[in-house]
Amino acid sequence: NVDAAMNDGRTALILASQQGHERVVGALLAAEANIEATNRPGATALWYACAVGCEPIVRTSVGMVPVKLFWFMAASAVVVVGIVVGSFGHSS
């Protein structure tokens, strides 16, 4: 089960995002891991990717997150707004 969670609610996708493992996140998303899954405090994989500053995971995840969830996260975590706005303000 790609969405199996530990006792604290962390899934493989959350753990991989928290540790900045881009290839693992990509494989989990390809296997249809739940991008909206949260741990017990309510943080998602995208939140952790923002918190550790892993821009490639943030870029990959943002397009997959429903708008309602993304804006909730942006309103509740300044780090999300800072990284997303900063990252997408630059041309690649």
C-alpha atoms as a PDB file:
ATOM      1  CA  ASN A   1       0.000   0.000   0.000  1.00  0.00           C
ATOM      2  CA  VAL A   2       1.731   3.171  -1.218  1.00  0.00           C
ATOM      3  CA  ASP A   3      -0.220   5.260   1.309  1.00  0.00           C
ATOM      4  CA  ALA A   4       0.471   3.142   4.400  1.00  0.00           C
ATOM      5  CA  ALA A   5       1.177   5.428   7.350  1.00  0.00           C
ATOM      6  CA  MET A   6       3.253   5.122  10.488  1.00  0.00           C
ATOM      7  CA  ASN A   7       1.710   5.700  13.930  1.00  0.00           C
ATOM      8  CA  ASP A   8       2.325   9.445  13.632  1.00  0.00           C
ATOM      9  CA  GLY A   9       0.582   9.579  10.252  1.00  0.00           C
ATOM     10  CA  ARG A  10       3.713   9.942   8.112  1.00  0.00           C
ATOM     11  CA  THR A  11       3.532   8.198   4.746  1.00  0.00           C
ATOM     12  CA  ALA A  12       6.403   7.273   2.458  1.00  0.00           C
ATOM     13  CA  LEU A  13       5.621  10.380   0.394  1.00  0.00           C
ATOM     14  CA  ILE A  14       5.806  12.625   3.456  1.00  0.00           C
ATOM     15  CA  LEU A  15       9.078  11.032   4.584  1.00  0.00           C
ATOM     16  CA  ALA A  16      10.667  11.289   1.131  1.00  0.00           C
ATOM     17  CA  SER A  17       9.603  14.944   0.827  1.00  0.00           C
ATOM     18  CA  GLN A  18      10.848  15.712   4.335  1.00  0.00           C
ATOM     19  CA  GLN A  19      14.264  14.305   3.412  1.00  0.00           C
ATOM     20  CA  GLY A  20      14.406  15.867  -0.065  1.00  0.00           C
ATOM     21  CA  HIS A  21      14.489  12.583  -2.021  1.00  0.00           C
ATOM     22  CA  GLU A  22      13.295  13.838  -5.416  1.00  0.00           C
ATOM     23  CA  ARG A  23      13.469  10.509  -7.266  1.00  0.00           C
ATOM     24  CA  VAL A  24      11.580   8.677  -4.516  1.00  0.00           C
ATOM     25  CA  VAL A  25       8.883  11.378  -4.479  1.00  0.00           C
ATOM     26  CA  GLY A  26       8.579  11.073  -8.256  1.00  0.00           C
ATOM     27  CA  ALA A  27       8.205   7.291  -8.042  1.00  0.00           C
ATOM     28  CA  LEU A  28       5.608   7.538  -5.275  1.00  0.00           C
ATOM     29  CA  LEU A  29       3.589  10.121  -7.201  1.00  0.00           C
ATOM     30  CA  ALA A  30       3.765   7.930 -10.314  1.00  0.00           C
ATOM     31  CA  ALA A  31       2.376   5.106  -8.156  1.00  0.00           C
ATOM     32  CA  GLU A  32      -0.494   7.460  -7.242  1.00  0.00           C
ATOM     33  CA  ALA A  33       0.499   8.207  -3.646  1.00  0.00           C
ATOM     34  CA  ASN A  34      -2.009  10.512  -1.955  1.00  0.00           C
ATOM     35  CA  ILE A  35      -0.579  14.044  -2.237  1.00  0.00           C
ATOM     36  CA  GLU A  36      -3.187  15.242   0.285  1.00  0.00           C
ATOM     37  CA  ALA A  37      -2.210  12.806   3.054  1.00  0.00           C
ATOM     38  CA  THR A  38      -1.286  14.493   6.338  1.00  0.00           C
ATOM     39  CA  ASN A  39       0.597  13.414   9.422  1.00  0.00           C
ATOM     40  CA  ARG A  40      -0.876  13.873  12.920  1.00  0.00           C
ATOM     41  CA  PRO A  41       0.022  17.608  13.138  1.00  0.00           C
ATOM     42  CA  GLY A  42      -1.619  18.121   9.728  1.00  0.00           C
ATOM     43  CA  ALA A  43       1.465  18.659   7.535  1.00  0.00           C
ATOM     44  CA  THR A  44       1.571  17.290   3.989  1.00  0.00           C
ATOM     45  CA  ALA A  45       4.433  16.185   1.761  1.00  0.00           C
ATOM     46  CA  LEU A  46       4.335  19.576   0.035  1.00  0.00           C
ATOM     47  CA  TRP A  47       4.600  21.354   3.375  1.00  0.00           C
ATOM     48  CA  TYR A  48       7.731  19.377   4.233  1.00  0.00           C
ATOM     49  CA  ALA A  49       9.262  19.950   0.795  1.00  0.00           C
ATOM     50  CA  CYS A  50       8.789  23.684   1.357  1.00  0.00           C
ATOM     51  CA  ALA A  51      10.133  23.500   4.890  1.00  0.00           C
ATOM     52  CA  VAL A  52      13.390  21.878   3.771  1.00  0.00           C
ATOM     53  CA  GLY A  53      13.632  24.106   0.690  1.00  0.00           C
ATOM     54  CA  CYS A  54      13.497  21.339  -1.905  1.00  0.00           C
ATOM     55  CA  GLU A  55      12.361  23.372  -4.905  1.00  0.00           C
ATOM     56  CA  PRO A  56      12.134  20.457  -7.396  1.00  0.00           C
ATOM     57  CA  ILE A  57       9.716  18.577  -5.129  1.00  0.00           C
ATOM     58  CA  VAL A  58       7.719  21.762  -4.538  1.00  0.00           C
ATOM     59  CA  ARG A  59       7.464  22.391  -8.292  1.00  0.00           C
ATOM     60  CA  THR A  60       6.361  18.800  -8.936  1.00  0.00           C
ATOM     61  CA  SER A  61       3.870  18.761  -6.072  1.00  0.00           C
ATOM     62  CA  VAL A  62       2.240  22.154  -6.592  1.00  0.00           C
ATOM     63  CA  GLY A  63       0.679  21.095  -9.884  1.00  0.00           C
ATOM     64  CA  MET A  64      -0.854  18.033  -8.249  1.00  0.00           C
ATOM     65  CA  VAL A  65      -2.329  19.667  -5.143  1.00  0.00           C
ATOM     66  CA  PRO A  66      -5.966  20.719  -5.292  1.00  0.00           C
ATOM     67  CA  VAL A  67      -6.276  24.508  -5.139  1.00  0.00           C
ATOM     68  CA  LYS A  68      -8.270  24.453  -1.894  1.00  0.00           C
ATOM     69  CA  LEU A  69      -5.527  22.519  -0.102  1.00  0.00           C
ATOM     70  CA  PHE A  70      -2.708  24.627  -1.542  1.00  0.00           C
ATOM     71  CA  TRP A  71      -4.280  27.912  -0.438  1.00  0.00           C
ATOM     72  CA  PHE A  72      -5.044  26.533   3.017  1.00  0.00           C
ATOM     73  CA  MET A  73      -1.401  25.595   3.344  1.00  0.00           C
ATOM     74  CA  ALA A  74      -0.223  28.959   2.041  1.00  0.00           C
ATOM     75  CA  ALA A  75      -2.426  30.770   4.529  1.00  0.00           C
ATOM     76  CA  SER A  76      -1.247  28.640   7.428  1.00  0.00           C
ATOM     77  CA  ALA A  77       2.483  28.392   6.687  1.00  0.00           C
ATOM     78  CA  VAL A  78       4.579  31.388   5.735  1.00  0.00           C
ATOM     79  CA  VAL A  79       7.346  29.090   4.503  1.00  0.00           C
ATOM     80  CA  VAL A  80       5.049  27.759   1.769  1.00  0.00           C
ATOM     81  CA  VAL A  81       4.278  31.239   0.499  1.00  0.00           C
ATOM     82  CA  GLY A  82       7.915  32.320   0.660  1.00  0.00           C
ATOM     83  CA  ILE A  83       9.324  29.368  -1.229  1.00  0.00           C
ATOM     84  CA  VAL A  84       6.559  29.083  -3.810  1.00  0.00           C
ATOM     85  CA  VAL A  85       6.465  32.807  -4.578  1.00  0.00           C
ATOM     86  CA  GLY A  86      10.260  33.010  -4.612  1.00  0.00           C
ATOM     87  CA  SER A  87      10.677  29.928  -6.767  1.00  0.00           C
ATOM     88  CA  PHE A  88       8.102  30.772  -9.378  1.00  0.00           C
ATOM     89  CA  GLY A  89       9.183  34.394  -9.612  1.00  0.00           C
ATOM     90  CA  HIS A  90      12.345  33.362 -11.468  1.00  0.00           C
ATOM     91  CA  SER A  91      12.513  32.123 -15.020  1.00  0.00           C
ATOM     92  CA  SER A  92      14.389  28.875 -15.559  1.00  0.00           C
END
